[in-house]
Amino acid sequence: MSRSPRRRAGALAVLALLSSLAGCTTSSGNAVTGQNYQAGDGSITILAPDQRKAPGELRGPTVDGRQVDLASYRGNVVVLNVWGSWCGPCQKEAPALQAASEALAPKGVKFLGINIREDGNRARAAAFERAYGITYPSLFDSTGYLLALRGVVAANAVPSTVIVDAQGRIAARISGATTKATLVDLVDDVLSGKVPAQ
C-alpha cells in the first residue's frame, strides 16, 4: 500500500529536520566499536533568547568515577561536548576544546563532556583524556545522555558541541568538530547576549 502524499511529505520533512540537526556530510564506521556515526559539517545554530529551552537532566558518573550534575552549573555558561575516544574528529578537536576551556575559565565558563559508546571501557575514555590533557569532567559512556539533548543533537552526530546559557537554556550548537577561535567567539556572544543576524 502506498503512502498518501501528505504522509510522504511529512516523512520527508522529518528526514530533512534530522539531517539538519545532525549537520552531517559524511557517514563513517569505526574499527574499535563498529558503530556508525555522522561527522558534522561545522555548521553553527544560534537560538534567540525567546527560542531557548532547557535540556533534560544531565547527571551521573564521570570518566574518573566522580558524580556531576549539569544543574549545579546554573548561573554559568556551560559548553557541552559530545565525544567518543573512537571518533577521529573528536581526537582532532580535543586540543581546541581544552584550550578554549582554559581561555574561557576566567569568565566563569564551565565545560562538561558527554562521552558515548565506549562499551563500558572506562580505561579507553580515560586514556583519551590523558592523551589530550583534558581537565574538565565528562559524563561516562551512555548514549542515553543524548536524550537530554533530543531535538538539538542527533544520536549519531559525534562530535557535537552545545552551549547552555547562564539561565540553563540551550543557546547554540556546533555540529561537527570545532576550533578554539570559533568556540571562544560563540561563547563570548552568548555571554554578551549578542544574537547574530540569521
Protein backbone atom coordinates (compact mmCIF):
# COMPACT_ATOMS: atom_id res chain seq x y z
CA MET A 1 0.00 0.00 0.00
CA SER A 2 1.50 3.38 -0.97
CA ARG A 3 1.69 6.31 1.38
CA SER A 4 -0.52 9.32 0.84
CA PRO A 5 1.18 12.50 -0.47
CA ARG A 6 0.63 14.15 2.92
CA ARG A 7 2.31 11.28 4.83
CA ARG A 8 5.14 11.16 2.29
CA ALA A 9 5.70 14.94 2.65
CA GLY A 10 5.63 14.59 6.43
CA ALA A 11 8.22 11.82 6.33
CA LEU A 12 10.45 13.90 4.06
CA ALA A 13 10.15 16.88 6.40
CA VAL A 14 11.20 14.72 9.38
CA LEU A 15 14.18 13.37 7.42
CA ALA A 16 15.20 16.90 6.43
CA LEU A 17 14.95 18.05 10.06
CA LEU A 18 17.02 15.14 11.33
CA SER A 19 19.61 15.76 8.63
CA SER A 20 19.86 19.44 9.51
CA LEU A 21 20.15 18.68 13.22
CA ALA A 22 22.89 16.17 12.58
CA GLY A 23 24.63 18.63 10.25
CA CYS A 24 26.02 15.57 8.55
CA THR A 25 28.12 15.47 5.46
CA THR A 26 29.69 12.03 5.76
CA SER A 27 28.99 8.71 7.42
CA SER A 28 31.83 6.59 8.69
CA GLY A 29 32.27 3.37 10.64
CA ASN A 30 34.76 2.86 13.42
CA ALA A 31 37.13 -0.08 13.71
CA VAL A 32 37.06 -0.08 17.52
CA THR A 33 33.31 -0.12 18.11
CA GLY A 34 31.93 -0.98 14.68
CA GLN A 35 29.27 1.68 15.19
CA ASN A 36 28.40 4.30 12.59
CA TYR A 37 28.49 7.98 13.26
CA GLN A 38 27.94 11.08 11.19
CA ALA A 39 30.63 13.73 11.04
CA GLY A 40 29.07 17.18 11.08
CA ASP A 41 29.99 19.97 8.73
CA GLY A 42 30.87 22.51 11.41
CA SER A 43 27.59 24.36 10.96
CA ILE A 44 26.52 26.62 13.80
CA THR A 45 22.96 27.10 15.03
CA ILE A 46 22.25 30.05 17.33
CA LEU A 47 18.97 30.47 19.17
CA ALA A 48 17.45 33.80 20.15
CA PRO A 49 16.75 34.02 23.90
CA ASP A 50 12.99 33.62 23.40
CA GLN A 51 13.57 30.35 21.47
CA ARG A 52 15.82 28.70 24.05
CA LYS A 53 14.76 25.69 26.11
CA ALA A 54 16.48 23.86 28.93
CA PRO A 55 17.99 20.47 28.15
CA GLY A 56 16.83 17.39 30.01
CA GLU A 57 18.62 16.06 33.07
CA LEU A 58 22.35 15.51 32.64
CA ARG A 59 23.91 13.91 35.70
CA GLY A 60 25.83 10.78 36.54
CA PRO A 61 29.29 9.27 36.87
CA THR A 62 32.26 10.81 35.11
CA VAL A 63 35.16 9.12 33.35
CA ASP A 64 37.16 9.38 36.59
CA GLY A 65 34.31 7.93 38.70
CA ARG A 66 33.04 11.12 40.33
CA GLN A 67 29.48 12.41 40.12
CA VAL A 68 28.49 15.50 38.15
CA ASP A 69 25.18 17.29 37.59
CA LEU A 70 24.66 19.97 34.93
CA ALA A 71 22.11 21.63 37.22
CA SER A 72 24.91 22.51 39.65
CA TYR A 73 26.44 24.76 36.95
CA ARG A 74 23.37 27.03 36.77
CA GLY A 75 24.45 30.66 36.71
CA ASN A 76 27.40 29.88 34.44
CA VAL A 77 27.56 29.48 30.69
CA VAL A 78 28.35 25.81 30.03
CA VAL A 79 29.91 24.16 26.99
CA LEU A 80 28.72 20.57 26.48
CA ASN A 81 30.79 18.44 24.11
CA VAL A 82 29.63 15.03 22.86
CA TRP A 83 32.63 12.79 22.14
CA GLY A 84 33.99 9.27 21.96
CA SER A 85 37.57 8.05 22.08
CA TRP A 86 36.86 6.06 18.89
CA CYS A 87 35.85 9.18 16.93
CA GLY A 88 38.50 10.67 14.62
CA PRO A 89 37.01 14.20 14.52
CA CYS A 90 36.79 14.12 18.36
CA GLN A 91 40.50 13.38 18.52
CA LYS A 92 41.21 16.26 16.16
CA GLU A 93 39.16 18.82 18.11
CA ALA A 94 40.18 17.73 21.65
CA PRO A 95 43.17 20.12 21.93
CA ALA A 96 40.99 23.03 20.75
CA LEU A 97 38.34 22.25 23.36
CA GLN A 98 40.91 22.08 26.16
CA ALA A 99 42.48 25.36 25.00
CA ALA A 100 39.05 27.02 24.85
CA SER A 101 38.20 25.76 28.34
CA GLU A 102 41.39 27.36 29.68
CA ALA A 103 40.77 30.63 27.81
CA LEU A 104 37.15 30.88 29.00
CA ALA A 105 37.64 29.76 32.62
CA PRO A 106 38.40 33.34 33.85
CA LYS A 107 34.95 34.32 32.54
CA GLY A 108 33.29 31.63 34.64
CA VAL A 109 32.52 29.33 31.70
CA LYS A 110 32.29 25.64 32.58
CA PHE A 111 32.94 22.68 30.29
CA LEU A 112 31.29 19.27 30.56
CA GLY A 113 31.97 16.39 28.19
CA ILE A 114 29.41 13.74 27.28
CA ASN A 115 31.29 10.56 26.45
CA ILE A 116 29.33 7.97 24.48
CA ARG A 117 29.61 4.46 23.06
CA GLU A 118 32.73 3.25 24.86
CA ASP A 119 31.11 -0.15 25.56
CA GLY A 120 31.86 0.29 29.24
CA ASN A 121 35.59 0.73 28.60
CA ARG A 122 36.43 3.44 31.14
CA ALA A 123 40.17 2.90 30.60
CA ARG A 124 39.86 3.82 26.92
CA ALA A 125 37.96 7.03 27.73
CA ALA A 126 40.46 7.91 30.49
CA ALA A 127 43.39 7.30 28.11
CA PHE A 128 41.80 9.74 25.64
CA GLU A 129 41.52 12.41 28.34
CA ARG A 130 45.14 11.89 29.39
CA ALA A 131 46.42 11.92 25.81
CA TYR A 132 44.81 15.28 25.10
CA GLY A 133 45.27 16.82 28.56
CA ILE A 134 41.54 17.20 29.15
CA THR A 135 40.98 18.71 32.60
CA TYR A 136 37.19 19.19 32.63
CA PRO A 137 34.84 16.32 33.57
CA SER A 138 32.90 14.11 31.19
CA LEU A 139 29.81 12.05 31.86
CA PHE A 140 30.80 8.48 31.03
CA ASP A 141 29.58 6.13 28.30
CA SER A 142 25.89 6.48 27.72
CA THR A 143 24.06 7.37 24.54
CA GLY A 144 21.15 7.87 26.94
CA TYR A 145 22.66 11.22 27.87
CA LEU A 146 21.74 12.40 24.38
CA LEU A 147 18.06 12.10 25.30
CA ALA A 148 18.60 15.26 27.32
CA LEU A 149 19.61 16.98 24.07
CA ARG A 150 16.90 15.46 21.87
CA GLY A 151 15.96 17.82 19.06
CA VAL A 152 19.35 19.54 19.32
CA VAL A 153 21.90 16.76 18.84
CA ALA A 154 21.20 13.66 16.76
CA ALA A 155 22.24 10.40 18.44
CA ASN A 156 24.87 9.70 15.79
CA ALA A 157 26.20 13.27 15.36
CA VAL A 158 29.60 12.96 17.00
CA PRO A 159 31.23 15.27 17.85
CA SER A 160 28.70 17.97 18.64
CA THR A 161 29.05 20.94 20.96
CA VAL A 162 26.19 22.71 22.71
CA ILE A 163 26.37 25.99 24.62
CA VAL A 164 24.00 26.42 27.55
CA ASP A 165 23.40 29.96 28.77
CA ALA A 166 23.58 31.10 32.39
CA GLN A 167 19.81 30.52 32.75
CA GLY A 168 20.31 26.86 31.86
CA ARG A 169 18.90 27.09 28.33
CA ILE A 170 20.41 25.83 25.08
CA ALA A 171 21.75 28.88 23.25
CA ALA A 172 23.82 27.43 20.41
CA ARG A 173 25.08 24.26 18.76
CA ILE A 174 28.07 23.36 16.61
CA SER A 175 27.58 20.23 14.53
CA GLY A 176 30.92 18.55 13.97
CA ALA A 177 34.43 19.42 15.08
CA THR A 178 35.18 22.99 16.11
CA THR A 179 38.19 25.23 16.63
CA LYS A 180 39.23 27.22 19.67
CA ALA A 181 38.60 30.55 17.92
CA THR A 182 35.12 29.58 16.77
CA LEU A 183 34.11 28.24 20.16
CA VAL A 184 35.51 31.19 22.12
CA ASP A 185 33.79 33.69 19.80
CA LEU A 186 30.47 31.86 20.08
CA VAL A 187 30.65 31.63 23.87
CA ASP A 188 31.55 35.33 24.06
CA ASP A 189 28.43 36.09 22.02
CA VAL A 190 26.31 34.06 24.47
CA LEU A 191 27.96 35.78 27.45
CA SER A 192 27.29 39.22 25.99
CA GLY A 193 23.73 38.41 24.94
CA LYS A 194 24.54 39.07 21.30
CA VAL A 195 22.37 37.25 18.80
CA PRO A 196 23.90 37.38 15.31
CA ALA A 197 21.58 38.15 12.42
CA GLN A 198 20.15 34.96 10.93
